[in-house]
C-alpha atoms as a PDB file:
ATOM      1  CA  MET A   1      -0.066   0.154  -0.005  1.00  0.00           C
ATOM      2  CA  ASN A   2       1.710   3.644  -0.535  1.00  0.00           C
ATOM      3  CA  PRO A   3       1.349   4.897   3.009  1.00  0.00           C
ATOM      4  CA  ALA A   4      -0.716   8.379   3.840  1.00  0.00           C
ATOM      5  CA  PHE A   5       1.438  10.448   5.820  1.00  0.00           C
ATOM      6  CA  SER A   6      -2.139  11.974   7.269  1.00  0.00           C
ATOM      7  CA  VAL A   7      -3.256   9.044   8.641  1.00  0.00           C
ATOM      8  CA  ILE A   8       0.423   8.005   9.853  1.00  0.00           C
ATOM      9  CA  PHE A   9       0.293  11.485  12.072  1.00  0.00           C
ATOM     10  CA  LEU A  10      -3.313  10.813  12.877  1.00  0.00           C
ATOM     11  CA  THR A  11      -2.826   7.479  14.291  1.00  0.00           C
ATOM     12  CA  THR A  12       0.580   8.152  15.899  1.00  0.00           C
ATOM     13  CA  LEU A  13      -0.583  11.322  17.507  1.00  0.00           C
ATOM     14  CA  ILE A  14      -4.225  10.235  18.859  1.00  0.00           C
ATOM     15  CA  GLY A  15      -2.065   7.076  19.780  1.00  0.00           C
ATOM     16  CA  ALA A  16       0.237   9.354  22.421  1.00  0.00           C
ATOM     17  CA  GLY A  17      -2.695  11.079  23.345  1.00  0.00           C
ATOM     18  CA  GLN A  18      -4.526   8.260  24.280  1.00  0.00           C
ATOM     19  CA  GLY A  19      -1.601   6.731  26.195  1.00  0.00           C
ATOM     20  CA  LEU A  20      -1.047  10.114  27.774  1.00  0.00           C
ATOM     21  CA  PHE A  21      -4.463   9.787  29.248  1.00  0.00           C
ATOM     22  CA  LEU A  22      -3.924   6.473  30.461  1.00  0.00           C
ATOM     23  CA  ALA A  23      -0.950   7.094  32.008  1.00  0.00           C
ATOM     24  CA  LEU A  24      -2.172  10.170  33.669  1.00  0.00           C
ATOM     25  CA  PHE A  25      -5.485   8.128  35.310  1.00  0.00           C
ATOM     26  CA  THR A  26      -3.155   4.949  36.003  1.00  0.00           C
ATOM     27  CA  GLU A  27      -1.784   6.964  38.443  1.00  0.00           C
ATOM     28  CA  GLN A  28      -4.347   8.444  39.981  1.00  0.00           C
ATOM     29  CA  SER A  29      -5.606   4.943  40.268  1.00  0.00           C
ATOM     30  CA  TYR A  30      -2.498   3.931  42.033  1.00  0.00           C
ATOM     31  CA  ALA A  31      -2.932   7.455  44.268  1.00  0.00           C
ATOM     32  CA  VAL A  32      -7.080   6.757  44.880  1.00  0.00           C
ATOM     33  CA  PHE A  33      -5.829   3.248  46.859  1.00  0.00           C
ATOM     34  CA  HIS A  34      -3.268   5.353  48.809  1.00  0.00           C
ATOM     35  CA  LEU A  35       0.193   3.878  46.804  1.00  0.00           C
ATOM     36  CA  LEU A  36       1.059   6.894  45.169  1.00  0.00           C
ATOM     37  CA  PRO A  37       0.988  10.609  46.734  1.00  0.00           C
ATOM     38  CA  ARG A  38      -2.061  12.222  45.117  1.00  0.00           C
ATOM     39  CA  GLN A  39      -1.008  15.319  42.767  1.00  0.00           C
ATOM     40  CA  GLY A  40      -3.178  18.316  42.602  1.00  0.00           C
ATOM     41  CA  GLY A  41      -5.735  19.105  40.293  1.00  0.00           C
ATOM     42  CA  GLY A  42      -3.573  21.281  38.380  1.00  0.00           C
ATOM     43  CA  PHE A  43      -1.259  18.530  37.346  1.00  0.00           C
ATOM     44  CA  TYR A  44      -3.571  15.848  35.688  1.00  0.00           C
ATOM     45  CA  ALA A  45      -5.635  19.474  34.066  1.00  0.00           C
ATOM     46  CA  ALA A  46      -2.278  20.001  32.211  1.00  0.00           C
ATOM     47  CA  GLY A  47      -1.618  16.563  31.296  1.00  0.00           C
ATOM     48  CA  SER A  48      -5.345  15.963  30.031  1.00  0.00           C
ATOM     49  CA  LEU A  49      -4.980  19.454  28.120  1.00  0.00           C
ATOM     50  CA  ILE A  50      -1.654  17.774  26.315  1.00  0.00           C
ATOM     51  CA  ALA A  51      -3.331  14.900  26.055  1.00  0.00           C
ATOM     52  CA  LEU A  52      -6.305  16.720  24.226  1.00  0.00           C
ATOM     53  CA  VAL A  53      -3.844  18.724  21.632  1.00  0.00           C
ATOM     54  CA  LEU A  54      -1.998  15.196  20.420  1.00  0.00           C
ATOM     55  CA  LEU A  55      -5.765  14.088  19.775  1.00  0.00           C
ATOM     56  CA  ALA A  56      -6.719  17.869  18.375  1.00  0.00           C
ATOM     57  CA  ALA A  57      -3.444  17.470  16.342  1.00  0.00           C
ATOM     58  CA  GLY A  58      -3.875  14.201  14.950  1.00  0.00           C
ATOM     59  CA  LEU A  59      -7.700  14.937  14.499  1.00  0.00           C
ATOM     60  CA  ALA A  60      -6.646  17.925  12.342  1.00  0.00           C
ATOM     61  CA  ALA A  61      -3.824  15.668  10.161  1.00  0.00           C
ATOM     62  CA  SER A  62      -6.898  13.118   9.105  1.00  0.00           C
ATOM     63  CA  PHE A  63      -8.423  16.137   7.445  1.00  0.00           C
ATOM     64  CA  PHE A  64      -6.043  16.291   4.671  1.00  0.00           C
ATOM     65  CA  HIS A  65      -6.594  12.433   3.494  1.00  0.00           C
ATOM     66  CA  LEU A  66      -9.891  13.590   2.172  1.00  0.00           C
ATOM     67  CA  GLY A  67     -11.313  14.723  -1.084  1.00  0.00           C
ATOM     68  CA  HIS A  68     -14.095  16.754   0.278  1.00  0.00           C
ATOM     69  CA  PRO A  69     -13.215  17.504   3.800  1.00  0.00           C
ATOM     70  CA  GLU A  70     -16.262  19.643   4.041  1.00  0.00           C
ATOM     71  CA  ARG A  71     -18.589  15.907   4.005  1.00  0.00           C
ATOM     72  CA  ALA A  72     -16.546  14.535   6.682  1.00  0.00           C
ATOM     73  CA  TRP A  73     -19.338  14.378   9.179  1.00  0.00           C
ATOM     74  CA  ARG A  74     -20.939  11.559   6.779  1.00  0.00           C
ATOM     75  CA  ALA A  75     -17.822   9.201   7.623  1.00  0.00           C
ATOM     76  CA  ALA A  76     -20.098   8.686  11.011  1.00  0.00           C
ATOM     77  CA  SER A  77     -23.215   7.252   9.078  1.00  0.00           C
ATOM     78  CA  GLN A  78     -21.759   4.059   8.616  1.00  0.00           C
ATOM     79  CA  TRP A  79     -21.385   2.831  12.230  1.00  0.00           C
ATOM     80  CA  ARG A  80     -23.219  -0.479  12.019  1.00  0.00           C
ATOM     81  CA  THR A  81     -20.815  -1.998   9.472  1.00  0.00           C
ATOM     82  CA  SER A  82     -17.571   0.448   9.335  1.00  0.00           C
ATOM     83  CA  TRP A  83     -14.901   0.706  11.798  1.00  0.00           C
ATOM     84  CA  LEU A  84     -13.748   3.462  10.270  1.00  0.00           C
ATOM     85  CA  SER A  85     -17.105   5.318  11.015  1.00  0.00           C
ATOM     86  CA  ARG A  86     -16.988   4.023  14.317  1.00  0.00           C
ATOM     87  CA  GLU A  87     -13.450   5.434  14.655  1.00  0.00           C
ATOM     88  CA  VAL A  88     -14.569   8.473  13.541  1.00  0.00           C
ATOM     89  CA  ILE A  89     -17.221   8.644  16.766  1.00  0.00           C
ATOM     90  CA  ALA A  90     -14.918   7.297  19.144  1.00  0.00           C
ATOM     91  CA  LEU A  91     -12.539  10.072  18.610  1.00  0.00           C
ATOM     92  CA  PRO A  92     -14.289  12.984  19.721  1.00  0.00           C
ATOM     93  CA  ALA A  93     -16.516  11.380  22.174  1.00  0.00           C
ATOM     94  CA  PHE A  94     -12.694  10.694  23.935  1.00  0.00           C
ATOM     95  CA  MET A  95     -11.598  13.777  23.483  1.00  0.00           C
ATOM     96  CA  GLY A  96     -14.680  15.143  25.031  1.00  0.00           C
ATOM     97  CA  VAL A  97     -14.181  13.167  28.251  1.00  0.00           C
ATOM     98  CA  VAL A  98     -10.387  13.951  28.246  1.00  0.00           C
ATOM     99  CA  PHE A  99     -11.517  17.809  28.335  1.00  0.00           C
ATOM    100  CA  CYS A 100     -14.224  17.387  30.488  1.00  0.00           C
ATOM    101  CA  TYR A 101     -11.638  15.517  32.866  1.00  0.00           C
ATOM    102  CA  ALA A 102      -9.404  18.426  32.764  1.00  0.00           C
ATOM    103  CA  VAL A 103     -11.809  20.467  33.500  1.00  0.00           C
ATOM    104  CA  ALA A 104     -13.198  18.706  36.275  1.00  0.00           C
ATOM    105  CA  HIS A 105      -9.565  18.762  37.916  1.00  0.00           C
ATOM    106  CA  TRP A 106      -8.727  22.274  36.957  1.00  0.00           C
ATOM    107  CA  LEU A 107     -12.419  23.220  39.211  1.00  0.00           C
ATOM    108  CA  ASP A 108     -11.677  20.721  41.839  1.00  0.00           C
ATOM    109  CA  MET A 109     -14.806  18.710  41.212  1.00  0.00           C
ATOM    110  CA  ASN A 110     -14.084  16.303  43.754  1.00  0.00           C
ATOM    111  CA  TRP A 111     -17.242  15.165  44.497  1.00  0.00           C
ATOM    112  CA  VAL A 112     -17.536  11.846  46.127  1.00  0.00           C
ATOM    113  CA  ILE A 113     -19.493   8.850  44.446  1.00  0.00           C
ATOM    114  CA  ALA A 114     -18.425   6.130  46.496  1.00  0.00           C
ATOM    115  CA  THR A 115     -16.555   5.003  49.318  1.00  0.00           C
ATOM    116  CA  LEU A 116     -14.706   1.533  48.787  1.00  0.00           C
ATOM    117  CA  PRO A 117     -14.784  -1.367  51.699  1.00  0.00           C
ATOM    118  CA  GLY A 118     -11.089  -0.356  52.302  1.00  0.00           C
ATOM    119  CA  GLY A 119     -11.607   3.562  52.411  1.00  0.00           C
ATOM    120  CA  ALA A 120     -10.721   4.050  49.094  1.00  0.00           C
ATOM    121  CA  VAL A 121     -12.897   7.072  47.744  1.00  0.00           C
ATOM    122  CA  VAL A 122     -14.394   7.333  44.392  1.00  0.00           C
ATOM    123  CA  ASP A 123     -15.051  10.774  43.039  1.00  0.00           C
ATOM    124  CA  PHE A 124     -16.404  12.462  39.985  1.00  0.00           C
ATOM    125  CA  THR A 125     -13.049  12.852  38.251  1.00  0.00           C
ATOM    126  CA  VAL A 126     -12.209   9.233  38.815  1.00  0.00           C
ATOM    127  CA  LEU A 127     -15.530   8.375  37.559  1.00  0.00           C
ATOM    128  CA  LEU A 128     -14.437  10.397  34.544  1.00  0.00           C
ATOM    129  CA  GLY A 129     -11.469   8.857  34.164  1.00  0.00           C
ATOM    130  CA  ALA A 130     -13.091   5.232  34.175  1.00  0.00           C
ATOM    131  CA  VAL A 131     -14.941   6.635  31.644  1.00  0.00           C
ATOM    132  CA  GLY A 132     -11.986   8.040  29.262  1.00  0.00           C
ATOM    133  CA  THR A 133     -10.105   4.894  29.877  1.00  0.00           C
ATOM    134  CA  ILE A 134     -12.595   2.562  28.254  1.00  0.00           C
ATOM    135  CA  LEU A 135     -13.364   4.837  25.360  1.00  0.00           C
ATOM    136  CA  ALA A 136      -9.706   5.178  24.773  1.00  0.00           C
ATOM    137  CA  PHE A 137      -9.372   1.340  24.745  1.00  0.00           C
ATOM    138  CA  VAL A 138     -12.922   1.630  22.333  1.00  0.00           C
ATOM    139  CA  LEU A 139     -10.665   4.007  20.160  1.00  0.00           C
ATOM    140  CA  PHE A 140      -7.621   1.862  19.703  1.00  0.00           C
ATOM    141  CA  GLY A 141     -10.010  -0.976  18.994  1.00  0.00           C
ATOM    142  CA  CYS A 142     -11.652   0.691  16.415  1.00  0.00           C
ATOM    143  CA  THR A 143      -8.403   1.853  14.568  1.00  0.00           C
ATOM    144  CA  GLY A 144      -6.981  -1.214  14.535  1.00  0.00           C
ATOM    145  CA  MET A 145      -9.722  -2.841  13.165  1.00  0.00           C
ATOM    146  CA  ILE A 146      -9.816  -0.812  10.672  1.00  0.00           C
ATOM    147  CA  TYR A 147      -7.018  -2.822   8.886  1.00  0.00           C
ATOM    148  CA  ALA A 148      -7.172  -5.629  11.062  1.00  0.00           C
ATOM    149  CA  CYS A 149     -10.727  -6.447   9.362  1.00  0.00           C
ATOM    150  CA  LEU A 150      -9.325  -6.626   6.041  1.00  0.00           C
ATOM    151  CA  ARG A 151      -9.134 -10.278   4.590  1.00  0.00           C
ATOM    152  CA  PHE A 152      -7.626  -9.824   1.588  1.00  0.00           C
ATOM    153  CA  LEU A 153      -4.452  -7.855   3.235  1.00  0.00           C
ATOM    154  CA  ARG A 154      -2.996 -10.537   5.187  1.00  0.00           C
ATOM    155  CA  GLU A 155      -0.351  -8.233   6.514  1.00  0.00           C
ATOM    156  CA  TRP A 156      -3.052  -6.740   8.368  1.00  0.00           C
ATOM    157  CA  ASN A 157      -5.337  -9.278   9.167  1.00  0.00           C
ATOM    158  CA  SER A 158      -4.094 -10.065  12.605  1.00  0.00           C
ATOM    159  CA  PRO A 159      -4.975  -9.635  16.348  1.00  0.00           C
ATOM    160  CA  LEU A 160      -1.405  -8.492  15.866  1.00  0.00           C
ATOM    161  CA  THR A 161      -2.747  -5.521  14.470  1.00  0.00           C
ATOM    162  CA  VAL A 162      -4.777  -4.312  17.356  1.00  0.00           C
ATOM    163  CA  ILE A 163      -2.476  -5.444  19.885  1.00  0.00           C
ATOM    164  CA  ASN A 164       0.592  -3.412  18.386  1.00  0.00           C
ATOM    165  CA  PHE A 165      -2.006  -0.159  18.430  1.00  0.00           C
ATOM    166  CA  ILE A 166      -2.436  -0.444  22.260  1.00  0.00           C
ATOM    167  CA  LEU A 167       0.976  -1.565  23.070  1.00  0.00           C
ATOM    168  CA  LEU A 168       2.724   1.448  20.892  1.00  0.00           C
ATOM    169  CA  GLY A 169       0.425   4.084  21.489  1.00  0.00           C
ATOM    170  CA  GLY A 170       0.414   3.288  25.788  1.00  0.00           C
ATOM    171  CA  ALA A 171       4.331   3.431  25.096  1.00  0.00           C
ATOM    172  CA  SER A 172       4.555   6.572  23.512  1.00  0.00           C
ATOM    173  CA  GLY A 173       1.973   8.042  26.340  1.00  0.00           C
ATOM    174  CA  PHE A 174       3.733   6.694  29.071  1.00  0.00           C
ATOM    175  CA  ILE A 175       7.247   8.265  28.029  1.00  0.00           C
ATOM    176  CA  LEU A 176       5.762  11.348  27.325  1.00  0.00           C
ATOM    177  CA  ALA A 177       3.936  11.125  30.665  1.00  0.00           C
ATOM    178  CA  ALA A 178       7.594  10.344  31.985  1.00  0.00           C
ATOM    179  CA  PHE A 179       9.133  13.360  30.644  1.00  0.00           C
ATOM    180  CA  TYR A 180       5.967  15.742  31.875  1.00  0.00           C
ATOM    181  CA  ALA A 181       6.374  14.229  35.399  1.00  0.00           C
ATOM    182  CA  SER A 182      10.017  15.039  35.565  1.00  0.00           C
ATOM    183  CA  VAL A 183       9.116  18.827  35.146  1.00  0.00           C
ATOM    184  CA  ALA A 184       5.444  19.352  36.679  1.00  0.00           C
ATOM    185  CA  ALA A 185       5.976  16.117  39.588  1.00  0.00           C
ATOM    186  CA  PRO A 186       9.457  14.676  39.885  1.00  0.00           C
ATOM    187  CA  GLU A 187       8.766  12.226  42.003  1.00  0.00           C
ATOM    188  CA  LEU A 188       6.108  10.704  40.040  1.00  0.00           C
ATOM    189  CA  SER A 189       8.641  10.330  36.736  1.00  0.00           C
ATOM    190  CA  SER A 190      10.262   6.588  38.004  1.00  0.00           C
ATOM    191  CA  PHE A 191       6.582   5.451  38.141  1.00  0.00           C
ATOM    192  CA  PHE A 192       5.661   7.281  34.807  1.00  0.00           C
ATOM    193  CA  GLY A 193       9.064   6.246  33.513  1.00  0.00           C
ATOM    194  CA  ALA A 194       9.179   2.224  34.468  1.00  0.00           C
ATOM    195  CA  TRP A 195       6.061   1.678  33.177  1.00  0.00           C
ATOM    196  CA  ALA A 196       7.226   3.243  29.911  1.00  0.00           C
ATOM    197  CA  ILE A 197      10.426   0.627  29.913  1.00  0.00           C
ATOM    198  CA  ILE A 198       7.272  -2.448  29.781  1.00  0.00           C
ATOM    199  CA  LEU A 199       5.301  -0.896  27.299  1.00  0.00           C
ATOM    200  CA  VAL A 200       8.213  -0.724  25.314  1.00  0.00           C
ATOM    201  CA  LEU A 201       9.137  -4.114  25.985  1.00  0.00           C
ATOM    202  CA  LEU A 202       5.974  -5.466  24.966  1.00  0.00           C
ATOM    203  CA  GLY A 203       5.411  -3.019  22.064  1.00  0.00           C
ATOM    204  CA  LEU A 204       9.157  -4.504  20.676  1.00  0.00           C
ATOM    205  CA  ALA A 205       7.968  -8.335  21.567  1.00  0.00           C
ATOM    206  CA  GLY A 206       4.411  -7.360  19.500  1.00  0.00           C
ATOM    207  CA  ARG A 207       6.233  -5.821  16.965  1.00  0.00           C
ATOM    208  CA  GLY A 208       8.739  -8.213  16.173  1.00  0.00           C
ATOM    209  CA  ALA A 209       5.794 -11.000  16.423  1.00  0.00           C
ATOM    210  CA  SER A 210       4.310  -9.418  13.565  1.00  0.00           C
ATOM    211  CA  LEU A 211       7.558  -9.128  11.353  1.00  0.00           C
ATOM    212  CA  ILE A 212       8.022 -12.349  11.700  1.00  0.00           C
ATOM    213  CA  ARG A 213       4.825 -13.923  10.923  1.00  0.00           C
ATOM    214  CA  ASN A 214       4.575 -11.283   8.009  1.00  0.00           C
ATOM    215  CA  ARG A 215       7.886 -12.380   6.402  1.00  0.00           C
ATOM    216  CA  ARG A 216       6.529 -16.189   6.726  1.00  0.00           C
ATOM    217  CA  LEU A 217       3.502 -15.414   4.780  1.00  0.00           C
ATOM    218  CA  ARG A 218       2.993 -16.572   0.781  1.00  0.00           C
ATOM    219  CA  PRO A 219       0.954 -15.066  -1.420  1.00  0.00           C
ATOM    220  CA  LYS A 220      -2.412 -17.053  -1.951  1.00  0.00           C
ATOM    221  CA  SER A 221      -3.190 -14.966  -5.227  1.00  0.00           C
ATOM    222  CA  THR A 222      -1.322 -15.590  -8.659  1.00  0.00           C
ATOM    223  CA  MET A 223      -0.898 -14.159 -12.218  1.00  0.00           C
ATOM    224  CA  GLN A 224      -3.353 -16.415 -13.202  1.00  0.00           C
ATOM    225  CA  THR A 225      -5.670 -15.564 -10.514  1.00  0.00           C
ATOM    226  CA  ALA A 226      -5.319 -12.035 -11.180  1.00  0.00           C
ATOM    227  CA  ILE A 227      -6.169 -11.931 -14.368  1.00  0.00           C
ATOM    228  CA  GLY A 228      -8.357 -15.130 -14.562  1.00  0.00           C
ATOM    229  CA  VAL A 229      -6.127 -17.241 -17.257  1.00  0.00           C
ATOM    230  CA  LYS A 230      -5.105 -21.017 -16.223  1.00  0.00           C
ATOM    231  CA  HIS A 231      -2.138 -20.891 -18.601  1.00  0.00           C
ATOM    232  CA  PRO A 232       0.955 -22.449 -16.575  1.00  0.00           C
ATOM    233  CA  LYS A 233       3.069 -19.765 -17.944  1.00  0.00           C
ATOM    234  CA  ILE A 234       1.958 -16.132 -17.694  1.00  0.00           C
ATOM    235  CA  VAL A 235       4.708 -12.781 -18.193  1.00  0.00           C
ATOM    236  CA  GLN A 236       3.499  -9.635 -17.848  1.00  0.00           C
ATOM    237  CA  LYS A 237       5.226  -7.252 -20.269  1.00  0.00           C
ATOM    238  CA  THR A 238       3.319  -3.903 -19.895  1.00  0.00           C
ATOM    239  CA  GLN A 239       1.069  -2.283 -17.581  1.00  0.00           C
ATOM    240  CA  GLY A 240      -1.829  -1.382 -19.965  1.00  0.00           C
ATOM    241  CA  SER A 241      -1.515   2.056 -20.017  1.00  0.00           C
ATOM    242  CA  MET A 242       1.027   5.362 -21.416  1.00  0.00           C
ATOM    243  CA  GLY A 243       1.529   6.708 -17.827  1.00  0.00           C
ATOM    244  CA  GLY A 244       0.276   5.811 -13.911  1.00  0.00           C
ATOM    245  CA  SER A 245      -2.678   5.056 -12.670  1.00  0.00           C
ATOM    246  CA  PHE A 246      -5.192   5.434  -9.847  1.00  0.00           C
ATOM    247  CA  ASN A 247      -4.079   1.934  -8.681  1.00  0.00           C
ATOM    248  CA  THR A 248      -0.473   2.118  -9.194  1.00  0.00           C
ATOM    249  CA  ARG A 249      -0.408   5.440  -6.562  1.00  0.00           C
ATOM    250  CA  GLU A 250      -2.808   4.332  -3.983  1.00  0.00           C
ATOM    251  CA  PHE A 251      -1.925   0.822  -3.789  1.00  0.00           C
ATOM    252  CA  PHE A 252       2.262   0.536  -4.296  1.00  0.00           C
ATOM    253  CA  HIS A 253       4.538   2.539  -2.022  1.00  0.00           C
ATOM    254  CA  GLY A 254       7.132   2.808  -5.176  1.00  0.00           C
ATOM    255  CA  LYS A 255       9.825   2.007  -3.080  1.00  0.00           C
ATOM    256  CA  ASP A 256      12.362  -0.970  -3.801  1.00  0.00           C
ATOM    257  CA  ALA A 257      13.625  -4.061  -1.650  1.00  0.00           C
ATOM    258  CA  ALA A 258      16.471  -2.379  -0.257  1.00  0.00           C
ATOM    259  CA  PHE A 259      14.695   0.533   0.958  1.00  0.00           C
ATOM    260  CA  LEU A 260      11.876  -1.092   2.918  1.00  0.00           C
ATOM    261  CA  LYS A 261      15.099  -3.457   4.396  1.00  0.00           C
ATOM    262  CA  LEU A 262      16.859   0.145   5.699  1.00  0.00           C
ATOM    263  CA  VAL A 263      13.265   1.533   7.034  1.00  0.00           C
ATOM    264  CA  ARG A 264      12.820  -1.860   9.251  1.00  0.00           C
ATOM    265  CA  PRO A 265      15.841  -1.773  11.027  1.00  0.00           C
ATOM    266  CA  GLY A 266      15.753   1.807  11.841  1.00  0.00           C
ATOM    267  CA  PHE A 267      11.990   2.289  13.197  1.00  0.00           C
ATOM    268  CA  LEU A 268      13.241  -0.631  15.356  1.00  0.00           C
ATOM    269  CA  LEU A 269      16.155   1.154  16.646  1.00  0.00           C
ATOM    270  CA  ALA A 270      14.571   4.511  17.179  1.00  0.00           C
ATOM    271  CA  ALA A 271      11.319   3.336  18.534  1.00  0.00           C
ATOM    272  CA  PHE A 272      12.525   0.760  20.764  1.00  0.00           C
ATOM    273  CA  ILE A 273      15.905   0.306  21.339  1.00  0.00           C
ATOM    274  CA  ALA A 274      17.154   4.080  21.656  1.00  0.00           C
ATOM    275  CA  PRO A 275      13.832   5.005  23.800  1.00  0.00           C
ATOM    276  CA  LEU A 276      15.021   1.740  26.031  1.00  0.00           C
ATOM    277  CA  GLY A 277      18.746   2.895  26.231  1.00  0.00           C
ATOM    278  CA  LEU A 278      17.523   6.624  27.189  1.00  0.00           C
ATOM    279  CA  LEU A 279      15.117   5.407  29.920  1.00  0.00           C
ATOM    280  CA  GLY A 280      17.872   3.154  31.495  1.00  0.00           C
ATOM    281  CA  LEU A 281      20.331   6.245  31.633  1.00  0.00           C
ATOM    282  CA  SER A 282      17.572   8.270  34.075  1.00  0.00           C
ATOM    283  CA  LEU A 283      14.290   8.177  34.678  1.00  0.00           C
ATOM    284  CA  SER A 284      14.244  11.565  36.111  1.00  0.00           C
ATOM    285  CA  SER A 285      16.054  13.757  33.640  1.00  0.00           C
ATOM    286  CA  PRO A 286      14.039  16.090  31.348  1.00  0.00           C
ATOM    287  CA  ALA A 287      16.179  16.287  28.512  1.00  0.00           C
ATOM    288  CA  THR A 288      17.063  12.227  28.507  1.00  0.00           C
ATOM    289  CA  LEU A 289      13.167  11.562  29.053  1.00  0.00           C
ATOM    290  CA  GLY A 290      12.438  14.237  26.220  1.00  0.00           C
ATOM    291  CA  LEU A 291      15.070  12.933  23.855  1.00  0.00           C
ATOM    292  CA  ALA A 292      13.461   9.241  24.650  1.00  0.00           C
ATOM    293  CA  PHE A 293      10.123  10.684  23.592  1.00  0.00           C
ATOM    294  CA  LEU A 294      11.627  12.267  20.247  1.00  0.00           C
ATOM    295  CA  PHE A 295      13.020   9.144  19.169  1.00  0.00           C
ATOM    296  CA  ASN A 296      10.045   7.329  20.233  1.00  0.00           C
ATOM    297  CA  TYR A 297       7.850   9.233  18.112  1.00  0.00           C
ATOM    298  CA  VAL A 298      10.274   9.455  15.317  1.00  0.00           C
ATOM    299  CA  GLY A 299      10.575   5.764  14.989  1.00  0.00           C
ATOM    300  CA  LEU A 300       6.701   5.424  15.385  1.00  0.00           C
ATOM    301  CA  ILE A 301       6.270   7.406  12.321  1.00  0.00           C
ATOM    302  CA  ALA A 302       8.963   5.112  10.676  1.00  0.00           C
ATOM    303  CA  GLU A 303       6.689   2.094  11.587  1.00  0.00           C
ATOM    304  CA  ARG A 304       3.316   3.415  10.779  1.00  0.00           C
ATOM    305  CA  TRP A 305       5.045   3.881   7.303  1.00  0.00           C
ATOM    306  CA  TYR A 306       6.205   0.497   6.999  1.00  0.00           C
ATOM    307  CA  PHE A 307       3.319  -0.826   8.402  1.00  0.00           C
ATOM    308  CA  PHE A 308       1.515   0.494   5.178  1.00  0.00           C
ATOM    309  CA  ALA A 309       4.177   0.195   3.123  1.00  0.00           C
ATOM    310  CA  GLU A 310       4.350  -3.518   4.054  1.00  0.00           C
ATOM    311  CA  ALA A 311       0.906  -4.758   3.227  1.00  0.00           C
ATOM    312  CA  ASN A 312       0.873  -6.176  -0.321  1.00  0.00           C
ATOM    313  CA  HIS A 313      -2.822  -5.098  -1.706  1.00  0.00           C
ATOM    314  CA  PRO A 314      -3.446  -8.318  -4.516  1.00  0.00           C
ATOM    315  CA  GLN A 315      -4.193  -6.123  -7.128  1.00  0.00           C
ATOM    316  CA  ASN A 316      -0.360  -5.704  -7.151  1.00  0.00           C
ATOM    317  CA  LEU A 317       0.186  -8.905  -9.246  1.00  0.00           C
ATOM    318  CA  TYR A 318      -1.613  -7.163 -11.937  1.00  0.00           C
ATOM    319  CA  TYR A 319       0.017  -3.892 -11.972  1.00  0.00           C
ATOM    320  CA  GLN A 320       3.624  -5.507 -11.293  1.00  0.00           C
ATOM    321  CA  THR A 321       5.247  -3.760 -14.296  1.00  0.00           C
ATOM    322  CA  ILE A 322       4.862  -0.449 -15.493  1.00  0.00           C
ATOM    323  CA  GLY A 323       5.604  -0.332 -19.500  1.00  0.00           C
END
């Protein structure tokens, strides 16, 4: 497939925003059970606004992929059958809850909802955080299933696609949370950093598993099935048109195998190895944690490009030669 940078930025930016929100609510959940000190409302509010900026930037990037942005609202109309429509609904719903979560903390809307047997107090912000957490995972699922549900693109048609969207988004969000905490609440940077290391390792394992799986795939289609001719030997000599076409532009990335081999170790190094090394150096230095997030995000852009480019559309059998 031909990677669209608008979709690459959409998925990586909202993934980081989702991960950052999950990190903030994870810390708050620990604090509810007195496992970590409860932070002031400003810490959660500012962190949620950063997540909201990332989500809004991802949403804005998606509009560059549309031929008629003014008709974008129609994308939600097929929610019964389309994972894209469900994502279009889930993203603004999640953004709305993140905004409410930020406002509730900023205005100290700590209205007690329930008191658990152990003495833990569940207030209004915790309720909003729980709803936001559910919506974050719903959004991860919708985004991943847009690609995982396509059976004819076998590189994507796997549970690993959804799992990796969750793990990679979570890892980038927790790294960003560690960087944010190193500035706003230094006593929490080690907590977020430790979780970031775990998620980066899990993300490396999940992405590595998908690379190994996809390398073992063998095409089910052939030249014979592509054109409906059963002759044992078919050789394509020309594309069938004088220049490029929609098919050759949209369903093939145009890069050679050597370029793909360069991108693969590049994103593994930038998205996983370099952040792990930097997190291992320090879980408290803002400069080190900021650099770890920068490496991770640049690596995720390359990873997402490779994710799209790796998917080999069956129609490329027919358009494999440009005369």
